[in-house]
Amino acid sequence: MQPTVQVIIDNSYLEKEVERQVNERLIDMGIGTWWDMKRLQYETSRSYDWLMEYVIYDPRVRNFSKQKNGRWLFKAKDMKEFLNKYFDEL
């Protein structure tokens, strides 16, 4: 007969610990430095065409976006702030 070990874990402690560790990982990941169009589509759950019409061509976005070699790039922090600030308009 092999010896056995019984471990008793408090569910509320386990839930809090998992939440703490997930939050740490999310903070470590951050929002990134640059977003491309695919990341912007992911962040907004909007299509390329919708983003072009309502976000990309907005004059307020020009300060933190650029198109290089046919590819759109955005400063992540500024774009996130813009999306949050003008959420009701979009």
C-alpha atoms as a PDB file:
ATOM      1  CA  MET A   1       0.000   0.000   0.000  1.00  0.00           C
ATOM      2  CA  GLN A   2       1.360   3.399  -1.022  1.00  0.00           C
ATOM      3  CA  PRO A   3       1.121   6.355   1.325  1.00  0.00           C
ATOM      4  CA  THR A   4      -1.355   9.048   0.282  1.00  0.00           C
ATOM      5  CA  VAL A   5      -1.456  12.760   0.900  1.00  0.00           C
ATOM      6  CA  GLN A   6      -4.674  14.685   1.151  1.00  0.00           C
ATOM      7  CA  VAL A   7      -4.580  18.406   0.393  1.00  0.00           C
ATOM      8  CA  ILE A   8      -7.443  20.642   1.455  1.00  0.00           C
ATOM      9  CA  ILE A   9      -7.690  23.967  -0.371  1.00  0.00           C
ATOM     10  CA  ASP A  10      -9.985  26.822   0.517  1.00  0.00           C
ATOM     11  CA  ASN A  11     -11.874  27.703  -2.691  1.00  0.00           C
ATOM     12  CA  SER A  12     -12.129  31.410  -1.890  1.00  0.00           C
ATOM     13  CA  TYR A  13      -8.374  31.576  -1.331  1.00  0.00           C
ATOM     14  CA  LEU A  14      -7.756  29.755  -4.602  1.00  0.00           C
ATOM     15  CA  GLU A  15     -10.068  32.114  -6.530  1.00  0.00           C
ATOM     16  CA  LYS A  16      -8.358  35.200  -5.068  1.00  0.00           C
ATOM     17  CA  GLU A  17      -4.901  33.817  -5.823  1.00  0.00           C
ATOM     18  CA  VAL A  18      -5.799  32.979  -9.427  1.00  0.00           C
ATOM     19  CA  GLU A  19      -7.299  36.461  -9.907  1.00  0.00           C
ATOM     20  CA  ARG A  20      -4.180  38.073  -8.424  1.00  0.00           C
ATOM     21  CA  GLN A  21      -1.858  36.136 -10.718  1.00  0.00           C
ATOM     22  CA  VAL A  22      -3.965  36.816 -13.831  1.00  0.00           C
ATOM     23  CA  ASN A  23      -3.991  40.533 -13.011  1.00  0.00           C
ATOM     24  CA  GLU A  24      -0.211  40.501 -12.593  1.00  0.00           C
ATOM     25  CA  ARG A  25       0.214  38.906 -16.006  1.00  0.00           C
ATOM     26  CA  LEU A  26      -2.155  41.405 -17.632  1.00  0.00           C
ATOM     27  CA  ILE A  27      -0.234  44.302 -16.124  1.00  0.00           C
ATOM     28  CA  ASP A  28       3.032  42.787 -17.356  1.00  0.00           C
ATOM     29  CA  MET A  29       1.585  42.429 -20.870  1.00  0.00           C
ATOM     30  CA  GLY A  30       0.471  46.053 -21.062  1.00  0.00           C
ATOM     31  CA  ILE A  31      -1.080  47.527 -24.154  1.00  0.00           C
ATOM     32  CA  GLY A  32       2.117  47.502 -26.167  1.00  0.00           C
ATOM     33  CA  THR A  33       3.940  50.366 -27.848  1.00  0.00           C
ATOM     34  CA  TRP A  34       2.482  50.184 -31.345  1.00  0.00           C
ATOM     35  CA  TRP A  35      -0.697  48.693 -32.709  1.00  0.00           C
ATOM     36  CA  ASP A  36      -1.190  47.645 -36.286  1.00  0.00           C
ATOM     37  CA  MET A  37      -4.585  47.427 -37.975  1.00  0.00           C
ATOM     38  CA  LYS A  38      -5.102  43.829 -36.853  1.00  0.00           C
ATOM     39  CA  ARG A  39      -4.530  44.782 -33.224  1.00  0.00           C
ATOM     40  CA  LEU A  40      -6.890  47.758 -33.608  1.00  0.00           C
ATOM     41  CA  GLN A  41      -9.529  45.458 -35.070  1.00  0.00           C
ATOM     42  CA  TYR A  42      -9.031  43.090 -32.132  1.00  0.00           C
ATOM     43  CA  GLU A  43      -9.233  45.879 -29.540  1.00  0.00           C
ATOM     44  CA  THR A  44     -12.401  47.388 -31.031  1.00  0.00           C
ATOM     45  CA  SER A  45     -14.125  44.301 -32.470  1.00  0.00           C
ATOM     46  CA  ARG A  46     -14.724  46.364 -35.602  1.00  0.00           C
ATOM     47  CA  SER A  47     -14.062  45.663 -39.260  1.00  0.00           C
ATOM     48  CA  TYR A  48     -11.303  47.209 -41.333  1.00  0.00           C
ATOM     49  CA  ASP A  49     -13.831  49.235 -43.364  1.00  0.00           C
ATOM     50  CA  TRP A  50     -15.584  50.582 -40.257  1.00  0.00           C
ATOM     51  CA  LEU A  51     -12.263  51.587 -38.677  1.00  0.00           C
ATOM     52  CA  MET A  52     -11.179  53.348 -41.848  1.00  0.00           C
ATOM     53  CA  GLU A  53     -14.413  55.334 -42.057  1.00  0.00           C
ATOM     54  CA  TYR A  54     -14.917  56.241 -38.401  1.00  0.00           C
ATOM     55  CA  VAL A  55     -11.469  56.178 -36.808  1.00  0.00           C
ATOM     56  CA  ILE A  56      -8.521  56.292 -39.179  1.00  0.00           C
ATOM     57  CA  TYR A  57      -9.707  59.279 -41.208  1.00  0.00           C
ATOM     58  CA  ASP A  58     -10.656  61.238 -38.078  1.00  0.00           C
ATOM     59  CA  PRO A  59      -8.295  64.269 -37.977  1.00  0.00           C
ATOM     60  CA  ARG A  60      -7.751  63.757 -34.235  1.00  0.00           C
ATOM     61  CA  VAL A  61      -6.083  60.404 -34.956  1.00  0.00           C
ATOM     62  CA  ARG A  62      -3.428  61.818 -37.287  1.00  0.00           C
ATOM     63  CA  ASN A  63      -1.167  62.870 -34.401  1.00  0.00           C
ATOM     64  CA  PHE A  64      -0.578  59.277 -33.341  1.00  0.00           C
ATOM     65  CA  SER A  65      -1.013  57.254 -36.517  1.00  0.00           C
ATOM     66  CA  LYS A  66       0.889  56.782 -39.726  1.00  0.00           C
ATOM     67  CA  GLN A  67       0.790  54.695 -42.816  1.00  0.00           C
ATOM     68  CA  LYS A  68       4.076  53.251 -43.900  1.00  0.00           C
ATOM     69  CA  ASN A  69       4.539  50.871 -46.822  1.00  0.00           C
ATOM     70  CA  GLY A  70       0.768  50.437 -47.021  1.00  0.00           C
ATOM     71  CA  ARG A  71       0.537  49.438 -43.369  1.00  0.00           C
ATOM     72  CA  TRP A  72      -1.175  51.478 -40.654  1.00  0.00           C
ATOM     73  CA  LEU A  73       0.585  51.911 -37.315  1.00  0.00           C
ATOM     74  CA  PHE A  74      -0.743  53.598 -34.190  1.00  0.00           C
ATOM     75  CA  LYS A  75       0.759  54.636 -30.873  1.00  0.00           C
ATOM     76  CA  ALA A  76      -1.041  52.168 -28.620  1.00  0.00           C
ATOM     77  CA  LYS A  77      -1.465  54.371 -25.549  1.00  0.00           C
ATOM     78  CA  ASP A  78      -2.780  57.335 -27.542  1.00  0.00           C
ATOM     79  CA  MET A  79      -5.166  55.197 -29.577  1.00  0.00           C
ATOM     80  CA  LYS A  80      -6.538  53.530 -26.462  1.00  0.00           C
ATOM     81  CA  GLU A  81      -7.109  56.949 -24.870  1.00  0.00           C
ATOM     82  CA  PHE A  82      -8.826  58.206 -28.034  1.00  0.00           C
ATOM     83  CA  LEU A  83     -11.133  55.184 -28.209  1.00  0.00           C
ATOM     84  CA  ASN A  84     -12.105  55.556 -24.567  1.00  0.00           C
ATOM     85  CA  LYS A  85     -12.578  59.329 -24.743  1.00  0.00           C
ATOM     86  CA  TYR A  86     -14.702  59.311 -27.916  1.00  0.00           C
ATOM     87  CA  PHE A  87     -16.465  55.994 -27.356  1.00  0.00           C
ATOM     88  CA  ASP A  88     -19.921  57.579 -27.462  1.00  0.00           C
ATOM     89  CA  GLU A  89     -19.171  59.339 -30.752  1.00  0.00           C
ATOM     90  CA  LEU A  90     -17.900  56.258 -32.539  1.00  0.00           C
END
